[in-house]
Protein backbone atom coordinates (compact mmCIF):
# COMPACT_ATOMS: atom_id res chain seq x y z
CA ILE A 1 -2.67 -21.36 21.46
CA GLU A 2 -5.55 -22.63 23.56
CA LEU A 3 -4.18 -21.88 26.98
CA ASP A 4 -7.11 -23.48 28.92
CA ARG A 5 -6.30 -26.86 27.21
CA ASN A 6 -2.46 -26.27 26.72
CA VAL A 7 -2.87 -26.92 23.02
CA LEU A 8 -0.50 -25.36 20.42
CA THR A 9 -1.56 -25.12 16.65
CA ARG A 10 0.86 -24.49 13.80
CA LEU A 11 -0.29 -21.70 11.63
CA THR A 12 2.28 -21.79 8.75
CA VAL A 13 3.55 -24.78 6.93
CA GLU A 14 5.83 -23.02 4.49
CA PRO A 15 9.55 -23.91 4.59
CA ARG A 16 10.43 -20.32 5.06
CA GLU A 17 11.43 -18.23 7.96
CA ASN A 18 8.27 -16.70 9.55
CA ARG A 19 8.85 -14.34 12.46
CA ASP A 20 7.67 -11.35 14.42
CA ALA A 21 4.10 -12.32 14.56
CA ASN A 22 1.43 -10.02 16.14
CA TRP A 23 -2.18 -10.58 16.58
CA THR A 24 -4.84 -7.78 16.12
CA ARG A 25 -6.51 -6.80 19.37
CA ASP A 26 -9.61 -8.91 18.53
CA GLY A 27 -7.43 -12.01 17.83
CA GLN A 28 -8.82 -12.36 14.27
CA VAL A 29 -5.87 -11.42 12.19
CA LEU A 30 -2.19 -12.45 12.58
CA ALA A 31 0.52 -10.24 10.81
CA PHE A 32 4.07 -11.62 10.52
CA GLY A 33 7.27 -11.08 8.45
CA SER A 34 8.38 -13.82 5.98
CA ILE A 35 11.08 -14.07 3.46
CA ARG A 36 9.36 -15.15 0.21
CA GLU A 37 9.98 -13.96 -3.32
CA GLY A 38 13.54 -13.19 -2.27
CA THR A 39 12.69 -10.43 0.22
CA ARG A 40 11.00 -10.00 3.61
CA ASN A 41 7.50 -8.84 3.41
CA ILE A 42 4.51 -8.62 5.81
CA TYR A 43 1.82 -11.22 5.45
CA VAL A 44 -1.45 -11.83 7.41
CA LYS A 45 -3.51 -14.81 8.24
CA ARG A 46 -7.26 -13.88 8.94
CA ASP A 47 -10.07 -15.77 10.76
CA GLY A 48 -8.04 -16.36 13.82
CA GLY A 49 -5.12 -17.69 11.89
CA THR A 50 -7.08 -20.35 9.96
CA GLY A 51 -7.40 -18.35 6.76
CA PRO A 52 -4.99 -18.44 3.87
CA THR A 53 -1.67 -16.49 4.01
CA GLU A 54 -2.12 -13.12 2.22
CA LEU A 55 0.55 -10.64 1.25
CA LEU A 56 -0.15 -7.42 3.22
CA LEU A 57 2.83 -5.18 2.37
CA ARG A 58 5.88 -5.50 0.12
CA LEU A 59 8.91 -4.03 1.96
CA GLU A 60 11.88 -2.31 0.32
CA GLY A 61 15.06 -1.03 1.82
CA ASP A 62 15.17 -0.44 5.61
CA PHE A 63 12.02 -1.55 7.28
CA GLY A 64 10.45 -2.62 10.52
CA LEU A 65 7.99 -5.40 11.24
CA PRO A 66 4.66 -4.97 12.97
CA VAL A 67 4.77 -4.71 16.69
CA ASP A 68 1.26 -3.48 17.35
CA TRP A 69 -1.83 -2.74 15.26
């Protein structure tokens, strides 16, 4: 999101549910939950959201998604 120019940029293109996104304090890494491989896991996109999607953590059973990090 470029607030000064009112520009939105899509960060994911996968046809899956991506939700509960949270940026690191420096704005360089975005963590989010996504259902892939049959279960919800936590993924990250680095380089201000322009990097490839990487699996950060496989979740099993009851879990919470990132709210701050």
